[in-house]
PDB file of N, CA and C in Angstrom:
ATOM      1  N   MET A   1      -0.124   3.729  17.741  1.00  0.00           N
ATOM      2  CA  MET A   1      -1.029   3.370  17.364  1.00  0.00           C
ATOM      3  C   MET A   1      -1.024   2.069  15.829  1.00  0.00           C
ATOM      4  N   ARG A   2      -0.811   1.929  14.946  1.00  0.00           N
ATOM      5  CA  ARG A   2      -0.682   1.181  14.404  1.00  0.00           C
ATOM      6  C   ARG A   2      -1.581   2.189  12.538  1.00  0.00           C
ATOM      7  N   TYR A   3      -1.263   2.421  11.366  1.00  0.00           N
ATOM      8  CA  TYR A   3      -1.640   2.719  10.491  1.00  0.00           C
ATOM      9  C   TYR A   3      -1.500   1.768   9.600  1.00  0.00           C
ATOM     10  N   LEU A   4      -2.400   1.722   8.390  1.00  0.00           N
ATOM     11  CA  LEU A   4      -2.413   1.523   6.924  1.00  0.00           C
ATOM     12  C   LEU A   4      -1.873   2.574   6.000  1.00  0.00           C
ATOM     13  N   ILE A   5      -0.068   2.109   5.503  1.00  0.00           N
ATOM     14  CA  ILE A   5       0.244   3.146   4.318  1.00  0.00           C
ATOM     15  C   ILE A   5      -0.666   2.748   3.068  1.00  0.00           C
ATOM     16  N   SER A   6      -1.090   2.840   2.371  1.00  0.00           N
ATOM     17  CA  SER A   6      -1.680   1.893   1.096  1.00  0.00           C
ATOM     18  C   SER A   6      -0.951   2.911  -0.416  1.00  0.00           C
ATOM     19  N   VAL A   7      -0.349   2.138  -1.113  1.00  0.00           N
ATOM     20  CA  VAL A   7       0.396   2.847  -2.379  1.00  0.00           C
ATOM     21  C   VAL A   7      -1.109   2.837  -3.438  1.00  0.00           C
ATOM     22  N   ILE A   8      -1.352   3.927  -3.945  1.00  0.00           N
ATOM     23  CA  ILE A   8      -2.579   4.061  -4.878  1.00  0.00           C
ATOM     24  C   ILE A   8      -1.520   4.671  -6.067  1.00  0.00           C
ATOM     25  N   TYR A   9      -1.647   3.927  -7.517  1.00  0.00           N
ATOM     26  CA  TYR A   9      -0.605   4.027  -8.365  1.00  0.00           C
ATOM     27  C   TYR A   9      -2.283   3.749  -9.505  1.00  0.00           C
ATOM     28  N   ASP A  10      -1.586   4.626 -11.028  1.00  0.00           N
ATOM     29  CA  ASP A  10      -2.314   4.587 -11.652  1.00  0.00           C
ATOM     30  C   ASP A  10      -1.730   3.484 -13.380  1.00  0.00           C
ATOM     31  N   GLU A  11      -0.872   3.435 -12.836  1.00  0.00           N
ATOM     32  CA  GLU A  11      -0.151   2.641 -14.944  1.00  0.00           C
ATOM     33  C   GLU A  11       0.518   1.020 -14.032  1.00  0.00           C
ATOM     34  N   THR A  12       0.572   0.626 -15.225  1.00  0.00           N
ATOM     35  CA  THR A  12       0.969  -0.363 -15.231  1.00  0.00           C
ATOM     36  C   THR A  12       2.306  -1.467 -14.690  1.00  0.00           C
ATOM     37  N   ASP A  13       3.281  -0.400 -14.927  1.00  0.00           N
ATOM     38  CA  ASP A  13       4.984  -0.781 -14.812  1.00  0.00           C
ATOM     39  C   ASP A  13       4.763  -1.331 -13.904  1.00  0.00           C
ATOM     40  N   VAL A  14       5.865  -1.381 -12.963  1.00  0.00           N
ATOM     41  CA  VAL A  14       6.127  -1.903 -12.104  1.00  0.00           C
ATOM     42  C   VAL A  14       7.311  -0.376 -11.429  1.00  0.00           C
ATOM     43  N   ALA A  15       8.096  -0.622 -10.391  1.00  0.00           N
ATOM     44  CA  ALA A  15       9.424  -0.134  -9.950  1.00  0.00           C
ATOM     45  C   ALA A  15      10.480  -0.072 -10.654  1.00  0.00           C
ATOM     46  N   THR A  16      10.626   1.232 -11.276  1.00  0.00           N
ATOM     47  CA  THR A  16      12.557   1.221 -11.400  1.00  0.00           C
ATOM     48  C   THR A  16      12.948   0.699 -10.594  1.00  0.00           C
ATOM     49  N   PRO A  17      14.289   0.498 -11.621  1.00  0.00           N
ATOM     50  CA  PRO A  17      15.810   0.399 -10.203  1.00  0.00           C
ATOM     51  C   PRO A  17      15.981   1.323  -9.098  1.00  0.00           C
ATOM     52  N   ASP A  18      16.218   2.594  -9.520  1.00  0.00           N
ATOM     53  CA  ASP A  18      16.018   3.869  -8.440  1.00  0.00           C
ATOM     54  C   ASP A  18      14.636   3.526  -7.395  1.00  0.00           C
ATOM     55  N   GLU A  19      13.948   3.164  -7.927  1.00  0.00           N
ATOM     56  CA  GLU A  19      12.208   3.443  -6.694  1.00  0.00           C
ATOM     57  C   GLU A  19      12.661   2.441  -5.538  1.00  0.00           C
ATOM     58  N   ASP A  20      12.978   1.259  -6.892  1.00  0.00           N
ATOM     59  CA  ASP A  20      13.302   0.221  -5.984  1.00  0.00           C
ATOM     60  C   ASP A  20      14.590   0.226  -4.426  1.00  0.00           C
ATOM     61  N   ALA A  21      15.698   1.032  -4.203  1.00  0.00           N
ATOM     62  CA  ALA A  21      16.731   1.529  -4.427  1.00  0.00           C
ATOM     63  C   ALA A  21      16.406   2.313  -2.962  1.00  0.00           C
ATOM     64  N   ALA A  22      14.992   2.940  -3.491  1.00  0.00           N
ATOM     65  CA  ALA A  22      14.269   3.953  -2.204  1.00  0.00           C
ATOM     66  C   ALA A  22      13.608   3.492  -1.276  1.00  0.00           C
ATOM     67  N   ILE A  23      13.055   2.788  -1.763  1.00  0.00           N
ATOM     68  CA  ILE A  23      12.070   1.583  -0.818  1.00  0.00           C
ATOM     69  C   ILE A  23      12.511   1.253  -0.291  1.00  0.00           C
ATOM     70  N   ASP A  24      13.789   0.467  -0.905  1.00  0.00           N
ATOM     71  CA  ASP A  24      14.652  -0.634   0.597  1.00  0.00           C
ATOM     72  C   ASP A  24      15.320   0.739   1.557  1.00  0.00           C
ATOM     73  N   VAL A  25      15.669   1.784   0.844  1.00  0.00           N
ATOM     74  CA  VAL A  25      16.211   2.742   2.264  1.00  0.00           C
ATOM     75  C   VAL A  25      14.855   3.099   2.741  1.00  0.00           C
ATOM     76  N   PHE A  26      13.863   3.397   2.053  1.00  0.00           N
ATOM     77  CA  PHE A  26      12.984   4.116   3.656  1.00  0.00           C
ATOM     78  C   PHE A  26      12.429   2.505   4.719  1.00  0.00           C
ATOM     79  N   ASN A  27      12.071   1.525   3.907  1.00  0.00           N
ATOM     80  CA  ASN A  27      11.524   0.045   5.178  1.00  0.00           C
ATOM     81  C   ASN A  27      12.580   0.105   6.064  1.00  0.00           C
ATOM     82  N   ALA A  28      14.166   0.323   5.516  1.00  0.00           N
ATOM     83  CA  ALA A  28      15.358   0.438   6.330  1.00  0.00           C
ATOM     84  C   ALA A  28      15.373   1.171   8.096  1.00  0.00           C
ATOM     85  N   ARG A  29      14.760   2.489   7.487  1.00  0.00           N
ATOM     86  CA  ARG A  29      14.317   3.346   8.408  1.00  0.00           C
ATOM     87  C   ARG A  29      13.494   3.314   9.229  1.00  0.00           C
ATOM     88  N   LEU A  30      12.737   2.651   8.747  1.00  0.00           N
ATOM     89  CA  LEU A  30      11.060   2.305   9.348  1.00  0.00           C
ATOM     90  C   LEU A  30      11.902   1.286  10.172  1.00  0.00           C
ATOM     91  N   GLN A  31      12.439   0.124  10.309  1.00  0.00           N
ATOM     92  CA  GLN A  31      12.740  -0.815  10.779  1.00  0.00           C
ATOM     93  C   GLN A  31      13.722  -0.136  11.631  1.00  0.00           C
ATOM     94  N   ALA A  32      14.480   0.730  10.967  1.00  0.00           N
ATOM     95  CA  ALA A  32      15.221   1.483  12.593  1.00  0.00           C
ATOM     96  C   ALA A  32      14.996   2.108  14.021  1.00  0.00           C
ATOM     97  N   GLU A  33      13.957   2.787  12.841  1.00  0.00           N
ATOM     98  CA  GLU A  33      13.232   3.303  13.980  1.00  0.00           C
ATOM     99  C   GLU A  33      11.784   2.975  15.230  1.00  0.00           C
ATOM    100  N   GLY A  34      11.930   1.446  15.048  1.00  0.00           N
ATOM    101  CA  GLY A  34      10.358   1.034  15.403  1.00  0.00           C
ATOM    102  C   GLY A  34       9.243   1.084  14.946  1.00  0.00           C
ATOM    103  N   HIS A  35       9.008   1.790  13.363  1.00  0.00           N
ATOM    104  CA  HIS A  35       7.566   1.967  13.040  1.00  0.00           C
ATOM    105  C   HIS A  35       6.746   0.940  12.015  1.00  0.00           C
ATOM    106  N   TRP A  36       8.258  -0.067  11.808  1.00  0.00           N
ATOM    107  CA  TRP A  36       7.631  -1.337  10.729  1.00  0.00           C
ATOM    108  C   TRP A  36       7.153  -2.807  11.521  1.00  0.00           C
ATOM    109  N   VAL A  37       5.938  -2.788  10.993  1.00  0.00           N
ATOM    110  CA  VAL A  37       5.282  -3.874  11.374  1.00  0.00           C
ATOM    111  C   VAL A  37       5.127  -4.911   9.837  1.00  0.00           C
ATOM    112  N   PHE A  38       4.823  -4.381   8.702  1.00  0.00           N
ATOM    113  CA  PHE A  38       4.658  -5.582   7.331  1.00  0.00           C
ATOM    114  C   PHE A  38       4.874  -4.363   6.521  1.00  0.00           C
ATOM    115  N   ALA A  39       4.879  -4.996   5.430  1.00  0.00           N
ATOM    116  CA  ALA A  39       4.987  -4.107   3.982  1.00  0.00           C
ATOM    117  C   ALA A  39       5.007  -5.446   2.995  1.00  0.00           C
ATOM    118  N   GLY A  40       4.478  -4.713   1.823  1.00  0.00           N
ATOM    119  CA  GLY A  40       4.096  -5.568   0.719  1.00  0.00           C
ATOM    120  C   GLY A  40       3.847  -4.574  -0.731  1.00  0.00           C
ATOM    121  N   GLY A  41       4.251  -5.924  -2.019  1.00  0.00           N
ATOM    122  CA  GLY A  41       4.264  -5.156  -3.079  1.00  0.00           C
ATOM    123  C   GLY A  41       2.215  -5.852  -3.166  1.00  0.00           C
ATOM    124  N   LEU A  42       1.767  -5.847  -4.478  1.00  0.00           N
ATOM    125  CA  LEU A  42       0.535  -6.475  -4.729  1.00  0.00           C
ATOM    126  C   LEU A  42       0.531  -6.695  -6.414  1.00  0.00           C
ATOM    127  N   ALA A  43       0.175  -7.929  -6.563  1.00  0.00           N
ATOM    128  CA  ALA A  43       0.120  -7.656  -8.820  1.00  0.00           C
ATOM    129  C   ALA A  43      -0.166  -7.297  -8.735  1.00  0.00           C
ATOM    130  N   SER A  44      -0.680  -6.879  -9.991  1.00  0.00           N
ATOM    131  CA  SER A  44      -1.492  -6.012 -10.975  1.00  0.00           C
ATOM    132  C   SER A  44      -3.356  -6.289 -10.458  1.00  0.00           C
ATOM    133  N   PRO A  45      -3.560  -5.874 -11.540  1.00  0.00           N
ATOM    134  CA  PRO A  45      -4.927  -5.573 -11.104  1.00  0.00           C
ATOM    135  C   PRO A  45      -6.016  -6.955 -11.986  1.00  0.00           C
ATOM    136  N   ASP A  46      -5.351  -7.018 -12.961  1.00  0.00           N
ATOM    137  CA  ASP A  46      -6.178  -7.720 -13.325  1.00  0.00           C
ATOM    138  C   ASP A  46      -5.632  -9.956 -12.898  1.00  0.00           C
ATOM    139  N   THR A  47      -4.781  -9.636 -11.714  1.00  0.00           N
ATOM    140  CA  THR A  47      -4.638 -10.878 -11.114  1.00  0.00           C
ATOM    141  C   THR A  47      -5.237 -11.211 -10.426  1.00  0.00           C
ATOM    142  N   ALA A  48      -6.154  -9.766 -10.002  1.00  0.00           N
ATOM    143  CA  ALA A  48      -7.445  -9.946  -9.071  1.00  0.00           C
ATOM    144  C   ALA A  48      -8.575 -10.952  -8.996  1.00  0.00           C
ATOM    145  N   THR A  49      -9.386 -11.736  -7.449  1.00  0.00           N
ATOM    146  CA  THR A  49     -10.084 -12.189  -8.146  1.00  0.00           C
ATOM    147  C   THR A  49     -10.949 -11.809  -6.535  1.00  0.00           C
ATOM    148  N   VAL A  50     -12.797 -11.199  -6.766  1.00  0.00           N
ATOM    149  CA  VAL A  50     -13.388 -10.985  -6.270  1.00  0.00           C
ATOM    150  C   VAL A  50     -14.305 -11.909  -5.692  1.00  0.00           C
ATOM    151  N   ILE A  51     -14.637 -12.212  -4.326  1.00  0.00           N
ATOM    152  CA  ILE A  51     -15.522 -12.933  -3.797  1.00  0.00           C
ATOM    153  C   ILE A  51     -16.870 -12.736  -3.274  1.00  0.00           C
ATOM    154  N   ASP A  52     -18.288 -12.283  -3.212  1.00  0.00           N
ATOM    155  CA  ASP A  52     -18.859 -11.886  -2.697  1.00  0.00           C
ATOM    156  C   ASP A  52     -20.347 -12.628  -2.562  1.00  0.00           C
ATOM    157  N   ASN A  53     -20.087 -12.776  -0.794  1.00  0.00           N
ATOM    158  CA  ASN A  53     -21.326 -13.778  -0.636  1.00  0.00           C
ATOM    159  C   ASN A  53     -22.635 -13.132   0.420  1.00  0.00           C
ATOM    160  N   ARG A  54     -22.704 -11.675  -0.007  1.00  0.00           N
ATOM    161  CA  ARG A  54     -23.454 -11.349   0.849  1.00  0.00           C
ATOM    162  C   ARG A  54     -24.938 -11.640   0.686  1.00  0.00           C
ATOM    163  N   GLY A  55     -25.256 -12.691  -0.868  1.00  0.00           N
ATOM    164  CA  GLY A  55     -26.465 -12.966  -1.068  1.00  0.00           C
ATOM    165  C   GLY A  55     -26.694 -14.380  -0.657  1.00  0.00           C
ATOM    166  N   GLY A  56     -25.580 -14.850  -0.059  1.00  0.00           N
ATOM    167  CA  GLY A  56     -25.626 -16.498   0.272  1.00  0.00           C
ATOM    168  C   GLY A  56     -25.831 -17.348  -0.579  1.00  0.00           C
ATOM    169  N   LYS A  57     -25.217 -16.978  -1.638  1.00  0.00           N
ATOM    170  CA  LYS A  57     -24.323 -18.250  -2.060  1.00  0.00           C
ATOM    171  C   LYS A  57     -22.456 -16.966  -2.631  1.00  0.00           C
ATOM    172  N   ALA A  58     -21.241 -17.732  -2.560  1.00  0.00           N
ATOM    173  CA  ALA A  58     -20.558 -16.811  -2.727  1.00  0.00           C
ATOM    174  C   ALA A  58     -20.092 -16.873  -4.401  1.00  0.00           C
ATOM    175  N   MET A  59     -19.701 -15.877  -5.103  1.00  0.00           N
ATOM    176  CA  MET A  59     -19.897 -15.111  -6.479  1.00  0.00           C
ATOM    177  C   MET A  59     -18.667 -14.525  -7.054  1.00  0.00           C
ATOM    178  N   VAL A  60     -18.143 -15.378  -7.655  1.00  0.00           N
ATOM    179  CA  VAL A  60     -16.822 -15.124  -7.917  1.00  0.00           C
ATOM    180  C   VAL A  60     -16.642 -14.330  -9.440  1.00  0.00           C
ATOM    181  N   THR A  61     -15.655 -13.205  -8.976  1.00  0.00           N
ATOM    182  CA  THR A  61     -15.162 -12.957 -10.404  1.00  0.00           C
ATOM    183  C   THR A  61     -14.236 -12.594 -10.695  1.00  0.00           C
ATOM    184  N   ASP A  62     -13.372 -12.543 -11.840  1.00  0.00           N
ATOM    185  CA  ASP A  62     -12.358 -11.891 -12.094  1.00  0.00           C
ATOM    186  C   ASP A  62     -12.074 -10.784 -12.073  1.00  0.00           C
ATOM    187  N   GLY A  63     -11.127 -10.343 -11.016  1.00  0.00           N
ATOM    188  CA  GLY A  63     -10.564  -8.624 -11.756  1.00  0.00           C
ATOM    189  C   GLY A  63     -11.323  -7.796 -10.897  1.00  0.00           C
ATOM    190  N   PRO A  64     -10.634  -7.061 -10.759  1.00  0.00           N
ATOM    191  CA  PRO A  64     -10.497  -6.320  -9.251  1.00  0.00           C
ATOM    192  C   PRO A  64     -11.757  -5.643  -9.423  1.00  0.00           C
ATOM    193  N   PHE A  65     -12.281  -5.398  -7.936  1.00  0.00           N
ATOM    194  CA  PHE A  65     -13.797  -4.680  -7.723  1.00  0.00           C
ATOM    195  C   PHE A  65     -14.333  -3.603  -8.735  1.00  0.00           C
ATOM    196  N   LEU A  66     -13.179  -2.773  -8.833  1.00  0.00           N
ATOM    197  CA  LEU A  66     -13.518  -0.930  -9.398  1.00  0.00           C
ATOM    198  C   LEU A  66     -13.521  -1.240 -10.980  1.00  0.00           C
ATOM    199  N   GLU A  67     -14.254  -0.774 -11.454  1.00  0.00           N
ATOM    200  CA  GLU A  67     -13.436   0.235 -12.451  1.00  0.00           C
ATOM    201  C   GLU A  67     -12.853   1.379 -12.904  1.00  0.00           C
ATOM    202  N   SER A  68     -11.474   1.479 -11.605  1.00  0.00           N
ATOM    203  CA  SER A  68     -10.848   2.525 -11.732  1.00  0.00           C
ATOM    204  C   SER A  68      -9.838   2.298 -12.627  1.00  0.00           C
ATOM    205  N   LYS A  69      -8.890   3.869 -12.785  1.00  0.00           N
ATOM    206  CA  LYS A  69      -7.704   3.680 -12.988  1.00  0.00           C
ATOM    207  C   LYS A  69      -6.629   3.697 -11.738  1.00  0.00           C
ATOM    208  N   GLU A  70      -7.095   4.224 -10.914  1.00  0.00           N
ATOM    209  CA  GLU A  70      -6.031   3.769  -9.681  1.00  0.00           C
ATOM    210  C   GLU A  70      -6.026   2.621  -9.513  1.00  0.00           C
ATOM    211  N   TYR A  71      -5.075   2.402  -8.574  1.00  0.00           N
ATOM    212  CA  TYR A  71      -5.418   0.972  -8.104  1.00  0.00           C
ATOM    213  C   TYR A  71      -4.462   0.398  -6.709  1.00  0.00           C
ATOM    214  N   LEU A  72      -4.694  -0.454  -5.568  1.00  0.00           N
ATOM    215  CA  LEU A  72      -3.965  -0.592  -4.978  1.00  0.00           C
ATOM    216  C   LEU A  72      -2.133  -1.607  -5.511  1.00  0.00           C
ATOM    217  N   ALA A  73      -2.111  -0.898  -5.530  1.00  0.00           N
ATOM    218  CA  ALA A  73      -0.144  -1.461  -5.426  1.00  0.00           C
ATOM    219  C   ALA A  73       0.508  -1.950  -4.382  1.00  0.00           C
ATOM    220  N   GLY A  74       0.573  -1.456  -4.011  1.00  0.00           N
ATOM    221  CA  GLY A  74       1.366  -2.229  -2.118  1.00  0.00           C
ATOM    222  C   GLY A  74       0.660  -1.353  -0.924  1.00  0.00           C
ATOM    223  N   PHE A  75       1.659  -1.688   0.165  1.00  0.00           N
ATOM    224  CA  PHE A  75       0.873  -1.227   1.643  1.00  0.00           C
ATOM    225  C   PHE A  75       2.215  -1.145   2.668  1.00  0.00           C
ATOM    226  N   TRP A  76       1.977  -0.550   3.361  1.00  0.00           N
ATOM    227  CA  TRP A  76       2.650  -1.219   4.268  1.00  0.00           C
ATOM    228  C   TRP A  76       1.466  -0.974   5.563  1.00  0.00           C
ATOM    229  N   ILE A  77       2.156  -1.342   6.619  1.00  0.00           N
ATOM    230  CA  ILE A  77       1.618  -0.876   7.918  1.00  0.00           C
ATOM    231  C   ILE A  77       2.298  -1.140   9.295  1.00  0.00           C
ATOM    232  N   ILE A  78       2.286   0.299   9.843  1.00  0.00           N
ATOM    233  CA  ILE A  78       3.374   1.398  10.659  1.00  0.00           C
ATOM    234  C   ILE A  78       2.941   0.862  11.515  1.00  0.00           C
ATOM    235  N   GLU A  79       3.827   1.498  13.561  1.00  0.00           N
ATOM    236  CA  GLU A  79       3.296   1.940  14.075  1.00  0.00           C
ATOM    237  C   GLU A  79       4.220   3.158  14.367  1.00  0.00           C
ATOM    238  N   ALA A  80       3.067   3.955  14.828  1.00  0.00           N
ATOM    239  CA  ALA A  80       3.258   5.983  15.184  1.00  0.00           C
ATOM    240  C   ALA A  80       2.809   6.065  16.324  1.00  0.00           C
ATOM    241  N   ALA A  81       3.259   7.384  16.438  1.00  0.00           N
ATOM    242  CA  ALA A  81       3.205   7.940  17.581  1.00  0.00           C
ATOM    243  C   ALA A  81       1.406   8.682  17.472  1.00  0.00           C
ATOM    244  N   ASP A  82       1.118   8.695  16.375  1.00  0.00           N
ATOM    245  CA  ASP A  82      -0.222  10.035  16.760  1.00  0.00           C
ATOM    246  C   ASP A  82      -0.155   9.802  14.480  1.00  0.00           C
ATOM    247  N   LEU A  83      -1.469  10.492  14.059  1.00  0.00           N
ATOM    248  CA  LEU A  83      -1.709  10.369  12.675  1.00  0.00           C
ATOM    249  C   LEU A  83      -0.540  11.434  12.223  1.00  0.00           C
ATOM    250  N   ASP A  84      -0.169  12.573  13.090  1.00  0.00           N
ATOM    251  CA  ASP A  84       1.055  13.158  12.026  1.00  0.00           C
ATOM    252  C   ASP A  84       2.306  13.018  12.450  1.00  0.00           C
ATOM    253  N   ALA A  85       2.949  12.038  12.871  1.00  0.00           N
ATOM    254  CA  ALA A  85       3.885  11.055  12.448  1.00  0.00           C
ATOM    255  C   ALA A  85       3.551  10.280  12.141  1.00  0.00           C
ATOM    256  N   ALA A  86       1.980   9.970  11.126  1.00  0.00           N
ATOM    257  CA  ALA A  86       2.278   8.462  10.330  1.00  0.00           C
ATOM    258  C   ALA A  86       1.581   9.325   9.213  1.00  0.00           C
ATOM    259  N   LEU A  87       1.658  10.874   9.179  1.00  0.00           N
ATOM    260  CA  LEU A  87       1.556  11.170   7.272  1.00  0.00           C
ATOM    261  C   LEU A  87       3.412  12.222   7.475  1.00  0.00           C
ATOM    262  N   ASP A  88       3.556  12.363   8.816  1.00  0.00           N
ATOM    263  CA  ASP A  88       5.426  12.356   7.922  1.00  0.00           C
ATOM    264  C   ASP A  88       6.375  11.692   7.342  1.00  0.00           C
ATOM    265  N   LEU A  89       5.712   9.619   7.726  1.00  0.00           N
ATOM    266  CA  LEU A  89       6.175   8.871   7.304  1.00  0.00           C
ATOM    267  C   LEU A  89       5.917   8.773   5.845  1.00  0.00           C
ATOM    268  N   ALA A  90       4.346   8.492   5.921  1.00  0.00           N
ATOM    269  CA  ALA A  90       4.297   8.688   4.751  1.00  0.00           C
ATOM    270  C   ALA A  90       4.345   9.709   3.506  1.00  0.00           C
ATOM    271  N   ALA A  91       4.985  11.074   3.779  1.00  0.00           N
ATOM    272  CA  ALA A  91       5.354  11.748   2.868  1.00  0.00           C
ATOM    273  C   ALA A  91       6.578  11.274   2.526  1.00  0.00           C
ATOM    274  N   ASP A  92       7.573  10.893   3.201  1.00  0.00           N
ATOM    275  CA  ASP A  92       8.601  10.540   2.852  1.00  0.00           C
ATOM    276  C   ASP A  92       8.774   9.026   2.037  1.00  0.00           C
ATOM    277  N   GLY A  93       7.430   8.500   2.061  1.00  0.00           N
ATOM    278  CA  GLY A  93       7.292   6.948   1.964  1.00  0.00           C
ATOM    279  C   GLY A  93       6.887   7.015   0.568  1.00  0.00           C
ATOM    280  N   SER A  94       6.306   8.259   0.035  1.00  0.00           N
ATOM    281  CA  SER A  94       5.264   8.471  -1.835  1.00  0.00           C
ATOM    282  C   SER A  94       6.910   9.172  -1.996  1.00  0.00           C
ATOM    283  N   LYS A  95       7.160   9.964  -1.683  1.00  0.00           N
ATOM    284  CA  LYS A  95       9.059  10.173  -2.578  1.00  0.00           C
ATOM    285  C   LYS A  95       9.715   8.822  -2.704  1.00  0.00           C
ATOM    286  N   ALA A  96       9.859   8.363  -2.095  1.00  0.00           N
ATOM    287  CA  ALA A  96      11.026   7.099  -1.998  1.00  0.00           C
ATOM    288  C   ALA A  96      10.047   6.424  -3.618  1.00  0.00           C
ATOM    289  N   CYS A  97       8.900   5.677  -2.993  1.00  0.00           N
ATOM    290  CA  CYS A  97       8.219   4.857  -3.840  1.00  0.00           C
ATOM    291  C   CYS A  97       7.620   5.993  -5.529  1.00  0.00           C
ATOM    292  N   ASN A  98       7.815   6.808  -4.917  1.00  0.00           N
ATOM    293  CA  ASN A  98       7.515   7.929  -6.656  1.00  0.00           C
ATOM    294  C   ASN A  98       5.615   7.090  -6.791  1.00  0.00           C
ATOM    295  N   ARG A  99       5.272   7.840  -5.268  1.00  0.00           N
ATOM    296  CA  ARG A  99       3.567   7.278  -5.909  1.00  0.00           C
ATOM    297  C   ARG A  99       2.614   7.842  -4.699  1.00  0.00           C
ATOM    298  N   LYS A 100       1.438   8.433  -5.344  1.00  0.00           N
ATOM    299  CA  LYS A 100       0.563   8.112  -3.885  1.00  0.00           C
ATOM    300  C   LYS A 100       0.319   7.192  -2.646  1.00  0.00           C
ATOM    301  N   LEU A 101      -0.220   7.733  -1.774  1.00  0.00           N
ATOM    302  CA  LEU A 101      -0.295   7.050  -0.919  1.00  0.00           C
ATOM    303  C   LEU A 101      -1.167   7.258   0.238  1.00  0.00           C
ATOM    304  N   GLU A 102      -1.947   6.622   0.720  1.00  0.00           N
ATOM    305  CA  GLU A 102      -3.566   6.940   1.406  1.00  0.00           C
ATOM    306  C   GLU A 102      -3.072   6.783   3.099  1.00  0.00           C
ATOM    307  N   VAL A 103      -3.275   7.361   4.004  1.00  0.00           N
ATOM    308  CA  VAL A 103      -3.054   6.603   5.394  1.00  0.00           C
ATOM    309  C   VAL A 103      -3.898   6.656   6.311  1.00  0.00           C
ATOM    310  N   ARG A 104      -4.597   5.479   6.637  1.00  0.00           N
ATOM    311  CA  ARG A 104      -5.433   5.115   7.759  1.00  0.00           C
ATOM    312  C   ARG A 104      -5.290   4.159   8.619  1.00  0.00           C
ATOM    313  N   PRO A 105      -5.438   5.199   9.858  1.00  0.00           N
ATOM    314  CA  PRO A 105      -5.687   4.053  11.279  1.00  0.00           C
ATOM    315  C   PRO A 105      -6.259   2.719  10.999  1.00  0.00           C
ATOM    316  N   ILE A 106      -5.691   2.162  12.063  1.00  0.00           N
ATOM    317  CA  ILE A 106      -6.473   0.404  12.094  1.00  0.00           C
ATOM    318  C   ILE A 106      -7.194   0.640  13.091  1.00  0.00           C
ATOM    319  N   LEU A 107      -7.957   0.031  13.371  1.00  0.00           N
ATOM    320  CA  LEU A 107      -8.704   0.482  14.356  1.00  0.00           C
ATOM    321  C   LEU A 107      -8.632  -1.210  15.290  1.00  0.00           C
TER     322      LEU A 107
END
């Protein structure tokens, strides 16, 4: 099954060199063990554009869609046998990137 592991962060700084190195090691492990599907870091929330076309005309606004201190800083999409395996991997990923992670199954 595939899972989305979202990196949740509440600061504006980027990863330190030590965090980058730990993330590279974690990514290599995911690839070597067959869990890797895709991953990426995201630009800061102030670069976001929100589009809402529910009312018949697209409304485009700058910035994040939520007024929140926390934001989505990056993600992994992984393959794991079950939720427990995904949570174990996410625990190691959280340690590597020094950020909170959210795990959700992909439907």
